[in-house]
Each structure stands twice: as structure tokens, then as C-alpha cells.
Amino acid sequence: MKKNRIKSLLLVGCLLTITCTAIVYASKSGPFRLWSPPVISGKNGVVTLSGNLTQDKVLFGSDGMAALALTLTADEVFDLDRGDANHVDMVIVLDRSGSMNGKKIGDAKRAALSLLSSLSAADRFGLVTYSDGVQRRSGLIKITPANRARLETIIRSIAAGGGTNLGAGLQEGIEVLLSSRINGNTRKVILISDGLANKGITDPTSLGNMAAISMEKAFAVSTVGVGSDFNEHLMTRIADRGAGNYYYLENPNLFAEVFQKEFNNTRAAVATSVEVRIPLTNGLSVVDASGYPIQVKGNHAIVHPGNLLSGQSKKIFLTLRVPTHREQTFAIKGINAHYRYKDSSYTVNLDDAFQIACVKDRQEVYSSIDKSEWEEKVVKEDINRLREEVATDIKKGSKKEALRRIEEYYRAQQSVNAVVASPKVATSLDKDLGGLRDMVEDTFQGAPQEVELKQKRNSKALQYEGYSGRRSKK
């Protein structure tokens, strides 16, 4: 909770610093000048890493915030239309607790059966279920006709009942993969839950750490939360630490779509176990990385943005902070990305340095902003971070705080855009923030039971929209 509050304050501080600079600049200058910073790039193997700053100057005595956009791009390695893709090892870890009874368990079973029909004889499938305890329904086996028929019978026999020992299910699903012979297939665990972890290991940090072994062992963990009673922050943490994806399903009939998407993504994965490393020198710190967890080891910040698919690009906005107690120039050099491709390890280096100068001239700071990159940061990163923060306010029942946060964000970005004059940002401020205000107002209207249900649903939907938007891919 405290960590989220600090991040929120840092975002507001960064916006206010730019706002004050914008107001001064607007009063003393003519039209905004478009400036484009140099793009630094490198390639090794099938991955290209490139980066550019959204601004290359910060104000003396300010919070020292600046953003660096890093883009990871994988070569077009596979022709999926021709069936040219990875073979897959997939383990489904299914919650069969009592709350899954009825439509949820029925839709999940139908989705698993549908997934089986997509698997080839070279793919392997495993199944784990959990409630009070855990059951290994099938180890990782090839999808021969006989095994397919056996798995179909097992899936149809699953019944709901009991508590939610999510940790035991996750641990067993991972063990199914790790205890099986490595055969070159791309490996994935999908964890499903509709409730709160209330048996066994329940601590979010411990469960996240359990999934983090995926980086070392070359697999990924994705999570699916269904309904309105699960812990979305826990499921997000497990997916992030497991280098996978998180999905929110209000309607369980979308299980089949999610399973198929995860299967297709795993088939198309080119770069796996991706790790971005940012050197922390001269007082530099990384405050945020498009919502991905940041680990600090030695003098490096480390981010794991998940697998890269064939032909895919991922952009990560790093929020950086540099000391501003004196005028100086910071050289950020040595950023790299490590990944695996076809059982070999590769490292892509950015050999040149990014330069951020701390200066006393406000107009100089504002002139250093890259308009196009700032636009994208606002409509992809900033607004979605706001959605996540407002989702937390809604969940806590803090209507007043949610509306205050939205208004503060609007004023700050509007002041900047009065100078930058971005139509995209103007549309986002009017349309997106209007929708946010309406959602907050609607959530807290009605009888107490109705409000409580809307808090659960709307906070999950909004958190997922923000999560998905910040991690959007091309």
C-alpha cells in the first residue's frame, strides 16, 4: 500500500514539475518546437533493442524525473499461416474449489477440451487441480490418440468442492514441467482461480517468488482470474514474476479464448526469459517500468517483460530519477537485454550513452521534450497508470480520493498540452477522463450491496484495463 502511494506521489510530482515549466515556457515563448532525441539501438541474434529519451533535460532542484522509452523487437522468424511454429508443453492448473461450481467449472472444462483438440502429437499437456489440497491429474504427456482420449475422460470427471490452496496448485503445476524431460518445446503454466488463496501458502510475495523460478528454468506462468472475488493484485504479481500474462474474466465463457490465445502465443514465442538490465550509476534510480516489477541487484535495475513473439515489438517506458542538487550531465550507458532463443543465450547491448542534463533554465527543459514520444507516453503509460490507481481507490471505497486524483491529473496534463498542442492527448483527456469520472460516480450509486458488488467488478475491470494498456504490444 505504501509503495503504491509513493509511486502515485512520484507521478504527480513529475507532472507538476513539467506543468510549472510549461506555464513559464508558454508565457515567454512562441509555438512549441518539435524536437526528436537520438535513437540508440543494437541487435544480436533475432532481437533488436532501441531506446530514446522523452526529454533530455531536468530542472535544477526538481524531482529529477525523466522517461526513457525502450523498445524490444523480435525478427519475423515463424510463418504461422504455414504451421511454422514452436511445439508446446502446456500445464493447466485449475481451481476446483466450491466457488467454481456450476458455470465456471463447466466453461473451464469445455475450454480445456477445446485446447486439447488444437494440440498436435508433438505437443505435451499436463493437468493439475486444486481445492483444499492438490491433485496431479496428468503429468506432461504427448497428445497421442490414446492420451487425448484419456485426458478428455479426466477433464470431464473434474468436480468442484473445497477451499482454495492456490499455492499448492501453482507449486505442483511448476513441478510437472520441471520433472519432465526437456525436449525443445516452449513451456507454459496457466493458473486459474476465482477466489482468494485461503489454504497453504497465501502470502503474495511468497507466491510471486514461487513463479519467479520460471526465468531460470526457461518457462512462463500466466494467470486467469474469473469472477469478482479473486485477488487481482496477487494474480498480476504471479504473472509478472513468472514472465507471463494476466487475464481478468468477468464471464467464464471466455476461458476457451484465453486458452487458445496462450497456446498461440507460446507457439509463436521467439525470445524467452527476456531480462532488461539498467546500470544504476551516479545516483540514477528506476522508479517505474510500465508496471513490471523492478528488482535491484548490485548496481543494476532488472526488468522481466516476458517473451517476445515472432515479429512482435514491446515498448517499456522507464521512469528515471536523477539527482538535481547541482548542474551536471548524466551518462546512462550499458543498458542491455538478455534472452534465450533455441536453447542458446544472447545479449543485446546499447553501446552509446543516453545523456540527461540538469539545468536551471526552465525553457531549456521544456524545449527538450520529444512531442511524439510524450504523446505516446501520456496515452499509453500515464493514463493507464492512473486507471490502476483509481481502481485501487474504488476497491478501498475512496470515491473522493479517486475523483481528486483524476482532477489533479487532468489539470497537470492539460497545462502541458496547452503548449505541446497534441490532439491525441486532448482527446484522451476529454474522453478517457470523462469515462473514468462516470465510472467512479456510478460505482458508488445504489444500495450498499449493489455498491459493494460494483466496487469489486469495476475495480477489477479498471485495473485490468490499465495493466493491459501499459503492456500493450504490436
Foldseek 3Di string as FASTA:
>chain_A
DVLLVVLLVVLLQVLVQLLVLLVVLVVPHDAFDFDDFDKFWWDDDFKIKIKDWLFQEDAFPGQQKTKMKIKIWGAQDADVVVVGWFAEFEEEEEEQAPVCADPQLVLLLVLVLVLLVVHDQSHWYWYKYDALAIDGLGATHGSDVVVSVVVNVSSVPRHHHHHAQQLRSLLVRVVSVVVDDDDLGAYEYEYEDAAQNDHDDRDLVVLLVSLLCCLVVRHAYAYEYEAQHYDQVSRCSNRLSRLHYYYYHPDSNCSNVVSVVVSVQSGFFFWFSKKKKWFAPQAKDWSDKLPRDWDDDDRIIMGRNHTAGRRKMWMIMTIMGHHNNDWDKDWGAWIWMWTDGSNDIDIIGRGGTRIHTHDNNSNSRLSRRNLVVVLCCVVQRVLLSLLLVLLVCLLVVNLVVNVVSLVSVLVSVVSNCVRSVDPSNVCCNVPVSVVSNVLSVVLPDDDPVSNNSSSSVSSSVSNVVSSCRSGPMD
